[in-house]
Amino acid sequence: MTERQKKRLEEKRQRDVRQQELKRLRVSQEIQRELDEIDVKKIELENQHADIQECLTLCDKNKQVHWENECLKIVQQKHALQRLEDEYIFAQKALTLANEQSQTEQELRRLYSLSAQQKTINDNQREEQLLEKSTRLVSERDRLTNEIEQIRLRELEEDQRITKAYQLHGVHQMPRLISGALDILKDII
């Protein structure tokens, strides 16, 4: 491979790295917007819940079941929002790890590109540190991925229990359970 080809290949790699950084930044901003929206929705649900609680205390026995069902729906929606918020927080952690991994890999590539004669003792030590850091980051990302899968499995089981509870209370129209916040990370982690 000629020097010119090496240079072009390196320039393309740097462009690709920059595009990935920009993509992670965009996703991070999207996550923050979603978290802000969740905060607003949680406040709205709290207000609705307070109104329904008041109606429940003031209503006659005929309307009590209706208001209890409405209260259950609000509680479920609040719970679903909390789940979604937790997923977005996991997504932020995953993005942070991906950014650290990218920076570590870039510095390692720079050190690998040096010939043995060009490397100082500090360069060799730094290379060892970066290799250890890279291994730690991969382990953390694996742990995070496993934790996310465990949470999703628990949520599925919980959804089944909640559905049964709703059916016992005569509520057959379930509120839409919100999920899938981590789907935006498919190409990143």
N, C-alpha and C. Protein backbone atom coordinates (compact mmCIF):
# COMPACT_ATOMS: atom_id res chain seq x y z
N MET A 1 0.85 -1.17 0.00
CA MET A 1 0.00 0.00 0.00
C MET A 1 0.90 1.24 0.00
N THR A 2 0.61 2.15 -0.91
CA THR A 2 1.42 3.35 -1.01
C THR A 2 1.07 4.33 0.11
N GLU A 3 1.93 5.32 0.30
CA GLU A 3 1.69 6.35 1.31
C GLU A 3 0.40 7.10 1.01
N ARG A 4 0.17 7.36 -0.26
CA ARG A 4 -1.03 8.09 -0.66
C ARG A 4 -2.29 7.29 -0.30
N GLN A 5 -2.26 5.99 -0.55
CA GLN A 5 -3.40 5.13 -0.22
C GLN A 5 -3.60 5.07 1.30
N LYS A 6 -2.50 4.98 2.04
CA LYS A 6 -2.59 4.96 3.50
C LYS A 6 -3.22 6.25 4.02
N LYS A 7 -2.78 7.37 3.42
CA LYS A 7 -3.30 8.67 3.84
C LYS A 7 -4.80 8.76 3.57
N ARG A 8 -5.23 8.32 2.39
CA ARG A 8 -6.65 8.35 2.04
C ARG A 8 -7.46 7.45 2.97
N LEU A 9 -6.92 6.29 3.25
CA LEU A 9 -7.61 5.36 4.14
C LEU A 9 -7.75 5.96 5.53
N GLU A 10 -6.70 6.59 6.02
CA GLU A 10 -6.75 7.23 7.33
C GLU A 10 -7.74 8.39 7.34
N GLU A 11 -7.78 9.17 6.28
CA GLU A 11 -8.74 10.28 6.19
C GLU A 11 -10.17 9.76 6.20
N LYS A 12 -10.40 8.66 5.48
CA LYS A 12 -11.75 8.07 5.47
C LYS A 12 -12.11 7.56 6.85
N ARG A 13 -11.18 6.91 7.52
CA ARG A 13 -11.43 6.40 8.87
C ARG A 13 -11.76 7.56 9.81
N GLN A 14 -11.04 8.65 9.71
CA GLN A 14 -11.29 9.81 10.56
C GLN A 14 -12.68 10.41 10.28
N ARG A 15 -13.06 10.46 9.00
CA ARG A 15 -14.41 10.95 8.66
C ARG A 15 -15.48 10.05 9.27
N ASP A 16 -15.25 8.74 9.16
CA ASP A 16 -16.21 7.78 9.72
C ASP A 16 -16.33 7.94 11.24
N VAL A 17 -15.19 8.13 11.89
CA VAL A 17 -15.19 8.33 13.34
C VAL A 17 -15.95 9.60 13.69
N ARG A 18 -15.72 10.65 12.93
CA ARG A 18 -16.41 11.93 13.18
C ARG A 18 -17.91 11.78 12.96
N GLN A 19 -18.31 11.04 11.93
CA GLN A 19 -19.74 10.82 11.69
C GLN A 19 -20.38 10.06 12.85
N GLN A 20 -19.67 9.08 13.37
CA GLN A 20 -20.19 8.34 14.51
C GLN A 20 -20.31 9.23 15.74
N GLU A 21 -19.33 10.11 15.94
CA GLU A 21 -19.39 11.05 17.06
C GLU A 21 -20.61 11.96 16.92
N LEU A 22 -20.83 12.46 15.71
CA LEU A 22 -21.98 13.34 15.47
C LEU A 22 -23.30 12.59 15.69
N LYS A 23 -23.33 11.34 15.27
CA LYS A 23 -24.53 10.53 15.46
C LYS A 23 -24.80 10.33 16.96
N ARG A 24 -23.75 10.03 17.72
CA ARG A 24 -23.93 9.87 19.17
C ARG A 24 -24.38 11.18 19.81
N LEU A 25 -23.86 12.29 19.34
CA LEU A 25 -24.27 13.59 19.86
C LEU A 25 -25.75 13.84 19.56
N ARG A 26 -26.16 13.55 18.35
CA ARG A 26 -27.57 13.73 17.97
C ARG A 26 -28.47 12.85 18.83
N VAL A 27 -28.08 11.62 19.04
CA VAL A 27 -28.88 10.71 19.86
C VAL A 27 -28.92 11.21 21.31
N SER A 28 -27.81 11.70 21.80
CA SER A 28 -27.75 12.24 23.16
C SER A 28 -28.72 13.41 23.31
N GLN A 29 -28.75 14.29 22.32
CA GLN A 29 -29.67 15.42 22.36
C GLN A 29 -31.12 14.95 22.30
N GLU A 30 -31.37 13.94 21.49
CA GLU A 30 -32.71 13.37 21.37
C GLU A 30 -33.16 12.77 22.71
N ILE A 31 -32.24 12.08 23.36
CA ILE A 31 -32.55 11.49 24.66
C ILE A 31 -32.89 12.58 25.67
N GLN A 32 -32.11 13.66 25.67
CA GLN A 32 -32.37 14.74 26.61
C GLN A 32 -33.74 15.37 26.36
N ARG A 33 -34.10 15.56 25.09
CA ARG A 33 -35.43 16.09 24.77
C ARG A 33 -36.52 15.16 25.29
N GLU A 34 -36.34 13.87 25.09
CA GLU A 34 -37.32 12.90 25.56
C GLU A 34 -37.43 12.93 27.09
N LEU A 35 -36.30 13.04 27.77
CA LEU A 35 -36.33 13.11 29.24
C LEU A 35 -37.07 14.36 29.71
N ASP A 36 -36.87 15.46 29.01
CA ASP A 36 -37.58 16.70 29.35
C ASP A 36 -39.08 16.52 29.15
N GLU A 37 -39.47 15.87 28.05
CA GLU A 37 -40.89 15.62 27.79
C GLU A 37 -41.49 14.70 28.85
N ILE A 38 -40.73 13.73 29.28
CA ILE A 38 -41.21 12.81 30.32
C ILE A 38 -41.48 13.57 31.60
N ASP A 39 -40.59 14.50 31.95
CA ASP A 39 -40.81 15.31 33.15
C ASP A 39 -42.13 16.07 33.08
N VAL A 40 -42.40 16.66 31.93
CA VAL A 40 -43.65 17.41 31.74
C VAL A 40 -44.85 16.47 31.86
N LYS A 41 -44.77 15.30 31.21
CA LYS A 41 -45.88 14.34 31.26
C LYS A 41 -46.11 13.83 32.68
N LYS A 42 -45.02 13.63 33.44
CA LYS A 42 -45.17 13.17 34.82
C LYS A 42 -45.92 14.20 35.66
N ILE A 43 -45.63 15.46 35.45
CA ILE A 43 -46.33 16.52 36.19
C ILE A 43 -47.81 16.53 35.80
N GLU A 44 -48.09 16.40 34.51
CA GLU A 44 -49.48 16.36 34.05
C GLU A 44 -50.22 15.18 34.68
N LEU A 45 -49.58 14.02 34.72
CA LEU A 45 -50.22 12.85 35.31
C LEU A 45 -50.44 13.02 36.82
N GLU A 46 -49.49 13.65 37.48
CA GLU A 46 -49.67 13.92 38.92
C GLU A 46 -50.90 14.79 39.14
N ASN A 47 -51.06 15.81 38.31
CA ASN A 47 -52.23 16.69 38.42
C ASN A 47 -53.52 15.93 38.15
N GLN A 48 -53.51 15.10 37.10
CA GLN A 48 -54.69 14.30 36.78
C GLN A 48 -55.02 13.34 37.93
N HIS A 49 -53.97 12.74 38.48
CA HIS A 49 -54.15 11.80 39.58
C HIS A 49 -54.78 12.49 40.78
N ALA A 50 -54.31 13.68 41.09
CA ALA A 50 -54.87 14.44 42.21
C ALA A 50 -56.35 14.76 41.95
N ASP A 51 -56.67 15.15 40.72
CA ASP A 51 -58.07 15.45 40.38
C ASP A 51 -58.95 14.20 40.52
N ILE A 52 -58.44 13.07 40.06
CA ILE A 52 -59.21 11.82 40.14
C ILE A 52 -59.38 11.39 41.60
N GLN A 53 -58.34 11.57 42.39
CA GLN A 53 -58.44 11.23 43.82
C GLN A 53 -59.52 12.07 44.48
N GLU A 54 -59.58 13.33 44.11
CA GLU A 54 -60.61 14.21 44.66
C GLU A 54 -62.00 13.75 44.23
N CYS A 55 -62.13 13.43 42.95
CA CYS A 55 -63.42 12.92 42.46
C CYS A 55 -63.81 11.64 43.18
N LEU A 56 -62.83 10.82 43.45
CA LEU A 56 -63.08 9.54 44.12
C LEU A 56 -63.61 9.76 45.53
N THR A 57 -63.09 10.75 46.22
CA THR A 57 -63.56 11.01 47.58
C THR A 57 -64.95 11.66 47.59
N LEU A 58 -65.30 12.37 46.53
CA LEU A 58 -66.56 13.10 46.48
C LEU A 58 -67.69 12.35 45.79
N CYS A 59 -67.37 11.29 45.07
CA CYS A 59 -68.39 10.63 44.25
C CYS A 59 -69.24 9.67 45.06
N ASP A 60 -70.40 9.31 44.48
CA ASP A 60 -71.25 8.31 45.12
C ASP A 60 -70.78 6.92 44.72
N LYS A 61 -71.35 5.92 45.33
CA LYS A 61 -70.92 4.53 45.11
C LYS A 61 -71.04 4.10 43.65
N ASN A 62 -72.02 4.65 42.92
CA ASN A 62 -72.21 4.26 41.52
C ASN A 62 -71.01 4.64 40.65
N LYS A 63 -70.39 5.76 40.94
CA LYS A 63 -69.26 6.24 40.13
C LYS A 63 -67.91 5.80 40.68
N GLN A 64 -67.90 5.22 41.85
CA GLN A 64 -66.64 4.89 42.51
C GLN A 64 -65.79 3.92 41.68
N VAL A 65 -66.40 2.90 41.12
CA VAL A 65 -65.65 1.92 40.31
C VAL A 65 -65.02 2.62 39.10
N HIS A 66 -65.77 3.50 38.46
CA HIS A 66 -65.23 4.24 37.32
C HIS A 66 -63.99 5.04 37.72
N TRP A 67 -64.07 5.77 38.83
CA TRP A 67 -62.93 6.61 39.25
C TRP A 67 -61.77 5.76 39.75
N GLU A 68 -62.05 4.62 40.34
CA GLU A 68 -60.97 3.71 40.74
C GLU A 68 -60.23 3.20 39.51
N ASN A 69 -60.99 2.85 38.46
CA ASN A 69 -60.37 2.39 37.22
C ASN A 69 -59.54 3.50 36.57
N GLU A 70 -60.07 4.72 36.60
CA GLU A 70 -59.31 5.86 36.06
C GLU A 70 -58.02 6.07 36.85
N CYS A 71 -58.12 5.91 38.15
CA CYS A 71 -56.94 6.05 39.02
C CYS A 71 -55.91 4.97 38.68
N LEU A 72 -56.36 3.75 38.47
CA LEU A 72 -55.46 2.66 38.08
C LEU A 72 -54.73 2.97 36.77
N LYS A 73 -55.49 3.52 35.83
CA LYS A 73 -54.89 3.86 34.53
C LYS A 73 -53.80 4.92 34.69
N ILE A 74 -54.08 5.92 35.51
CA ILE A 74 -53.09 6.98 35.73
C ILE A 74 -51.84 6.41 36.40
N VAL A 75 -52.03 5.56 37.38
CA VAL A 75 -50.88 4.95 38.07
C VAL A 75 -50.06 4.14 37.08
N GLN A 76 -50.73 3.39 36.20
CA GLN A 76 -50.02 2.60 35.20
C GLN A 76 -49.25 3.50 34.23
N GLN A 77 -49.86 4.59 33.83
CA GLN A 77 -49.17 5.52 32.91
C GLN A 77 -47.95 6.14 33.59
N LYS A 78 -48.09 6.48 34.86
CA LYS A 78 -46.95 7.03 35.60
C LYS A 78 -45.83 6.00 35.69
N HIS A 79 -46.22 4.76 35.93
CA HIS A 79 -45.23 3.69 36.02
C HIS A 79 -44.53 3.48 34.67
N ALA A 80 -45.31 3.51 33.61
CA ALA A 80 -44.73 3.34 32.27
C ALA A 80 -43.76 4.48 31.95
N LEU A 81 -44.11 5.70 32.35
CA LEU A 81 -43.20 6.83 32.13
C LEU A 81 -41.92 6.66 32.93
N GLN A 82 -42.03 6.15 34.13
CA GLN A 82 -40.84 5.91 34.94
C GLN A 82 -39.94 4.88 34.28
N ARG A 83 -40.55 3.83 33.74
CA ARG A 83 -39.78 2.82 33.00
C ARG A 83 -39.04 3.45 31.83
N LEU A 84 -39.78 4.27 31.09
CA LEU A 84 -39.19 4.91 29.92
C LEU A 84 -38.03 5.82 30.32
N GLU A 85 -38.24 6.56 31.39
CA GLU A 85 -37.17 7.43 31.88
C GLU A 85 -35.94 6.60 32.26
N ASP A 86 -36.16 5.47 32.92
CA ASP A 86 -35.05 4.59 33.29
C ASP A 86 -34.32 4.07 32.05
N GLU A 87 -35.07 3.73 31.02
CA GLU A 87 -34.45 3.25 29.78
C GLU A 87 -33.60 4.35 29.14
N TYR A 88 -34.10 5.58 29.15
CA TYR A 88 -33.32 6.67 28.58
C TYR A 88 -32.05 6.93 29.38
N ILE A 89 -32.13 6.75 30.68
CA ILE A 89 -30.93 6.92 31.50
C ILE A 89 -29.91 5.84 31.16
N PHE A 90 -30.39 4.61 30.95
CA PHE A 90 -29.49 3.54 30.50
C PHE A 90 -28.89 3.90 29.14
N ALA A 91 -29.70 4.46 28.28
CA ALA A 91 -29.21 4.85 26.95
C ALA A 91 -28.11 5.90 27.07
N GLN A 92 -28.28 6.84 27.98
CA GLN A 92 -27.24 7.85 28.19
C GLN A 92 -25.94 7.20 28.66
N LYS A 93 -26.07 6.24 29.57
CA LYS A 93 -24.88 5.53 30.05
C LYS A 93 -24.19 4.79 28.90
N ALA A 94 -24.98 4.16 28.05
CA ALA A 94 -24.43 3.42 26.91
C ALA A 94 -23.71 4.37 25.96
N LEU A 95 -24.28 5.54 25.73
CA LEU A 95 -23.63 6.53 24.87
C LEU A 95 -22.31 7.01 25.46
N THR A 96 -22.31 7.24 26.75
CA THR A 96 -21.08 7.67 27.42
C THR A 96 -19.99 6.62 27.24
N LEU A 97 -20.36 5.36 27.43
CA LEU A 97 -19.39 4.27 27.24
C LEU A 97 -18.91 4.19 25.79
N ALA A 98 -19.83 4.39 24.85
CA ALA A 98 -19.45 4.35 23.43
C ALA A 98 -18.49 5.48 23.10
N ASN A 99 -18.73 6.66 23.66
CA ASN A 99 -17.81 7.79 23.43
C ASN A 99 -16.43 7.51 24.02
N GLU A 100 -16.41 6.99 25.23
CA GLU A 100 -15.12 6.66 25.85
C GLU A 100 -14.37 5.61 25.04
N GLN A 101 -15.11 4.60 24.57
CA GLN A 101 -14.49 3.54 23.77
C GLN A 101 -13.91 4.12 22.48
N SER A 102 -14.64 4.99 21.83
CA SER A 102 -14.17 5.60 20.59
C SER A 102 -12.89 6.41 20.82
N GLN A 103 -12.90 7.21 21.87
CA GLN A 103 -11.71 8.02 22.18
C GLN A 103 -10.51 7.14 22.51
N THR A 104 -10.76 6.07 23.25
CA THR A 104 -9.69 5.14 23.61
C THR A 104 -9.12 4.49 22.35
N GLU A 105 -9.99 4.04 21.46
CA GLU A 105 -9.54 3.41 20.22
C GLU A 105 -8.74 4.38 19.34
N GLN A 106 -9.18 5.62 19.29
CA GLN A 106 -8.45 6.62 18.48
C GLN A 106 -7.04 6.82 19.02
N GLU A 107 -6.93 6.94 20.33
CA GLU A 107 -5.60 7.14 20.91
C GLU A 107 -4.74 5.90 20.73
N LEU A 108 -5.34 4.73 20.85
CA LEU A 108 -4.59 3.49 20.62
C LEU A 108 -4.09 3.41 19.17
N ARG A 109 -4.94 3.78 18.22
CA ARG A 109 -4.52 3.77 16.82
C ARG A 109 -3.33 4.72 16.60
N ARG A 110 -3.41 5.87 17.23
CA ARG A 110 -2.31 6.82 17.10
C ARG A 110 -1.02 6.21 17.63
N LEU A 111 -1.11 5.55 18.78
CA LEU A 111 0.09 4.93 19.35
C LEU A 111 0.57 3.74 18.52
N TYR A 112 -0.37 2.97 17.98
CA TYR A 112 0.00 1.84 17.13
C TYR A 112 0.67 2.29 15.83
N SER A 113 0.32 3.48 15.39
CA SER A 113 0.89 3.97 14.13
C SER A 113 2.36 4.39 14.28
N LEU A 114 2.79 4.57 15.52
CA LEU A 114 4.19 4.93 15.74
C LEU A 114 5.07 3.69 15.59
N SER A 115 6.23 3.87 15.01
CA SER A 115 7.17 2.75 14.91
C SER A 115 7.80 2.53 16.29
N ALA A 116 8.42 1.38 16.47
CA ALA A 116 9.05 1.05 17.76
C ALA A 116 10.11 2.08 18.13
N GLN A 117 10.79 2.63 17.13
CA GLN A 117 11.83 3.63 17.40
C GLN A 117 11.24 4.97 17.84
N GLN A 118 10.04 5.26 17.38
CA GLN A 118 9.39 6.53 17.71
C GLN A 118 8.74 6.51 19.09
N LYS A 119 8.41 5.33 19.58
CA LYS A 119 7.68 5.22 20.84
C LYS A 119 8.61 5.48 22.03
N THR A 120 8.08 6.28 22.95
CA THR A 120 8.81 6.53 24.19
C THR A 120 8.32 5.55 25.25
N ILE A 121 8.96 5.56 26.38
CA ILE A 121 8.52 4.71 27.49
C ILE A 121 7.11 5.12 27.92
N ASN A 122 6.85 6.41 27.92
CA ASN A 122 5.50 6.91 28.25
C ASN A 122 4.46 6.42 27.25
N ASP A 123 4.84 6.37 25.97
CA ASP A 123 3.92 5.87 24.94
C ASP A 123 3.57 4.41 25.21
N ASN A 124 4.57 3.61 25.55
CA ASN A 124 4.34 2.19 25.84
C ASN A 124 3.46 2.02 27.08
N GLN A 125 3.72 2.83 28.10
CA GLN A 125 2.90 2.77 29.31
C GLN A 125 1.46 3.20 29.02
N ARG A 126 1.33 4.26 28.24
CA ARG A 126 0.00 4.76 27.87
C ARG A 126 -0.76 3.71 27.06
N GLU A 127 -0.06 3.03 26.18
CA GLU A 127 -0.68 1.98 25.38
C GLU A 127 -1.25 0.88 26.28
N GLU A 128 -0.48 0.47 27.28
CA GLU A 128 -0.95 -0.54 28.24
C GLU A 128 -2.17 -0.04 29.00
N GLN A 129 -2.15 1.20 29.44
CA GLN A 129 -3.28 1.79 30.16
C GLN A 129 -4.53 1.79 29.27
N LEU A 130 -4.34 2.18 28.02
CA LEU A 130 -5.48 2.25 27.09
C LEU A 130 -6.05 0.86 26.80
N LEU A 131 -5.18 -0.13 26.70
CA LEU A 131 -5.66 -1.50 26.48
C LEU A 131 -6.48 -1.98 27.68
N GLU A 132 -6.01 -1.67 28.87
CA GLU A 132 -6.76 -2.03 30.08
C GLU A 132 -8.10 -1.28 30.11
N LYS A 133 -8.06 0.00 29.77
CA LYS A 133 -9.29 0.79 29.75
C LYS A 133 -10.27 0.25 28.72
N SER A 134 -9.77 -0.11 27.56
CA SER A 134 -10.62 -0.66 26.50
C SER A 134 -11.29 -1.94 26.97
N THR A 135 -10.55 -2.80 27.61
CA THR A 135 -11.09 -4.05 28.13
C THR A 135 -12.17 -3.77 29.19
N ARG A 136 -11.90 -2.81 30.07
CA ARG A 136 -12.86 -2.43 31.10
C ARG A 136 -14.14 -1.87 30.47
N LEU A 137 -13.98 -1.02 29.44
CA LEU A 137 -15.15 -0.43 28.79
C LEU A 137 -16.00 -1.49 28.09
N VAL A 138 -15.36 -2.44 27.45
CA VAL A 138 -16.10 -3.53 26.80
C VAL A 138 -16.87 -4.33 27.84
N SER A 139 -16.23 -4.59 28.98
CA SER A 139 -16.92 -5.32 30.06
C SER A 139 -18.10 -4.53 30.59
N GLU A 140 -17.92 -3.23 30.76
CA GLU A 140 -19.01 -2.38 31.25
C GLU A 140 -20.17 -2.35 30.26
N ARG A 141 -19.85 -2.27 28.98
CA ARG A 141 -20.92 -2.25 27.97
C ARG A 141 -21.66 -3.59 27.94
N ASP A 142 -20.92 -4.69 28.08
CA ASP A 142 -21.55 -6.00 28.14
C ASP A 142 -22.46 -6.11 29.37
N ARG A 143 -21.97 -5.64 30.53
CA ARG A 143 -22.75 -5.66 31.75
C ARG A 143 -24.02 -4.83 31.59
N LEU A 144 -23.87 -3.65 30.99
CA LEU A 144 -25.01 -2.76 30.77
C LEU A 144 -26.03 -3.41 29.83
N THR A 145 -25.56 -4.03 28.78
CA THR A 145 -26.44 -4.72 27.83
C THR A 145 -27.20 -5.85 28.53
N ASN A 146 -26.50 -6.63 29.34
CA ASN A 146 -27.15 -7.72 30.08
C ASN A 146 -28.17 -7.17 31.07
N GLU A 147 -27.83 -6.09 31.74
CA GLU A 147 -28.75 -5.47 32.69
C GLU A 147 -30.01 -4.97 31.99
N ILE A 148 -29.83 -4.38 30.83
CA ILE A 148 -30.98 -3.90 30.05
C ILE A 148 -31.89 -5.06 29.68
N GLU A 149 -31.31 -6.17 29.25
CA GLU A 149 -32.12 -7.34 28.88
C GLU A 149 -32.87 -7.89 30.10
N GLN A 150 -32.22 -7.93 31.25
CA GLN A 150 -32.88 -8.40 32.47
C GLN A 150 -34.05 -7.49 32.83
N ILE A 151 -33.87 -6.19 32.68
CA ILE A 151 -34.94 -5.24 32.98
C ILE A 151 -36.11 -5.45 32.03
N ARG A 152 -35.82 -5.65 30.77
CA ARG A 152 -36.90 -5.87 29.80
C ARG A 152 -37.68 -7.14 30.13
N LEU A 153 -36.99 -8.19 30.53
CA LEU A 153 -37.68 -9.43 30.91
C LEU A 153 -38.56 -9.22 32.14
N ARG A 154 -38.04 -8.49 33.14
CA ARG A 154 -38.85 -8.19 34.33
C ARG A 154 -40.07 -7.36 33.96
N GLU A 155 -39.88 -6.42 33.05
CA GLU A 155 -41.00 -5.58 32.63
C GLU A 155 -42.09 -6.39 31.93
N LEU A 156 -41.68 -7.34 31.11
CA LEU A 156 -42.67 -8.20 30.44
C LEU A 156 -43.48 -9.00 31.47
N GLU A 157 -42.78 -9.55 32.46
CA GLU A 157 -43.48 -10.30 33.51
C GLU A 157 -44.41 -9.37 34.29
N GLU A 158 -43.92 -8.19 34.59
CA GLU A 158 -44.73 -7.21 35.32
C GLU A 158 -45.95 -6.80 34.51
N ASP A 159 -45.78 -6.61 33.22
CA ASP A 159 -46.91 -6.26 32.35
C ASP A 159 -47.99 -7.34 32.40
N GLN A 160 -47.57 -8.59 32.41
CA GLN A 160 -48.53 -9.68 32.47
C GLN A 160 -49.30 -9.66 33.80
N ARG A 161 -48.58 -9.41 34.90
CA ARG A 161 -49.25 -9.33 36.20
C ARG A 161 -50.22 -8.15 36.25
N ILE A 162 -49.80 -7.02 35.70
CA ILE A 162 -50.66 -5.83 35.70
C ILE A 162 -51.90 -6.06 34.85
N THR A 163 -51.73 -6.72 33.72
CA THR A 163 -52.88 -7.02 32.85
C THR A 163 -53.89 -7.88 33.61
N LYS A 164 -53.40 -8.87 34.34
CA LYS A 164 -54.30 -9.72 35.12
C LYS A 164 -55.01 -8.90 36.20
N ALA A 165 -54.28 -8.00 36.85
CA ALA A 165 -54.89 -7.16 37.89
C ALA A 165 -55.97 -6.26 37.30
N TYR A 166 -55.70 -5.71 36.13
CA TYR A 166 -56.70 -4.87 35.46
C TYR A 166 -57.95 -5.69 35.15
N GLN A 167 -57.75 -6.88 34.64
CA GLN A 167 -58.90 -7.73 34.29
C GLN A 167 -59.72 -8.09 35.53
N LEU A 168 -59.05 -8.29 36.66
CA LEU A 168 -59.76 -8.58 37.90
C LEU A 168 -60.61 -7.40 38.35
N HIS A 169 -60.16 -6.18 38.02
CA HIS A 169 -60.92 -4.97 38.36
C HIS A 169 -61.92 -4.59 37.28
N GLY A 170 -62.05 -5.43 36.27
CA GLY A 170 -63.02 -5.17 35.23
C GLY A 170 -62.56 -4.18 34.17
N VAL A 171 -61.26 -3.88 34.14
CA VAL A 171 -60.74 -2.95 33.12
C VAL A 171 -60.16 -3.80 32.00
N HIS A 172 -60.77 -3.71 30.83
CA HIS A 172 -60.30 -4.53 29.72
C HIS A 172 -59.52 -3.71 28.70
N GLN A 173 -59.66 -2.41 28.76
CA GLN A 173 -58.90 -1.56 27.85
C GLN A 173 -57.67 -1.05 28.61
N MET A 174 -56.54 -1.65 28.30
CA MET A 174 -55.30 -1.29 28.98
C MET A 174 -54.72 -0.02 28.39
N PRO A 175 -54.12 0.82 29.23
CA PRO A 175 -53.38 1.95 28.68
C PRO A 175 -52.16 1.43 27.93
N ARG A 176 -51.78 2.13 26.91
CA ARG A 176 -50.62 1.72 26.11
C ARG A 176 -49.37 1.79 26.96
N LEU A 177 -48.67 0.66 27.07
CA LEU A 177 -47.43 0.64 27.83
C LEU A 177 -46.31 1.15 26.94
N ILE A 178 -45.56 2.08 27.45
CA ILE A 178 -44.51 2.72 26.68
C ILE A 178 -43.23 1.92 26.84
N SER A 179 -42.53 1.69 25.75
CA SER A 179 -41.28 0.96 25.80
C SER A 179 -40.49 1.22 24.53
N GLY A 180 -39.27 0.76 24.52
CA GLY A 180 -38.48 0.85 23.31
C GLY A 180 -37.54 2.04 23.24
N ALA A 181 -37.28 2.68 24.36
CA ALA A 181 -36.38 3.83 24.34
C ALA A 181 -34.98 3.44 23.90
N LEU A 182 -34.61 2.22 24.20
CA LEU A 182 -33.24 1.80 23.88
C LEU A 182 -33.08 1.39 22.42
N ASP A 183 -34.17 1.35 21.68
CA ASP A 183 -34.08 1.00 20.27
C ASP A 183 -33.25 2.02 19.50
N ILE A 184 -33.17 3.24 19.99
CA ILE A 184 -32.38 4.27 19.27
C ILE A 184 -30.89 4.00 19.35
N LEU A 185 -30.50 3.05 20.18
CA LEU A 185 -29.08 2.74 20.35
C LEU A 185 -28.62 1.54 19.51
N LYS A 186 -29.50 0.97 18.72
CA LYS A 186 -29.16 -0.25 17.99
C LYS A 186 -27.85 -0.14 17.21
N ASP A 187 -27.64 0.98 16.55
CA ASP A 187 -26.43 1.11 15.73
C ASP A 187 -25.24 1.61 16.53
N ILE A 188 -25.44 1.93 17.79
CA ILE A 188 -24.37 2.54 18.57
C ILE A 188 -23.71 1.57 19.53
N ILE A 189 -24.53 0.76 20.21
CA ILE A 189 -23.93 -0.18 21.17
C ILE A 189 -23.92 -1.58 20.63
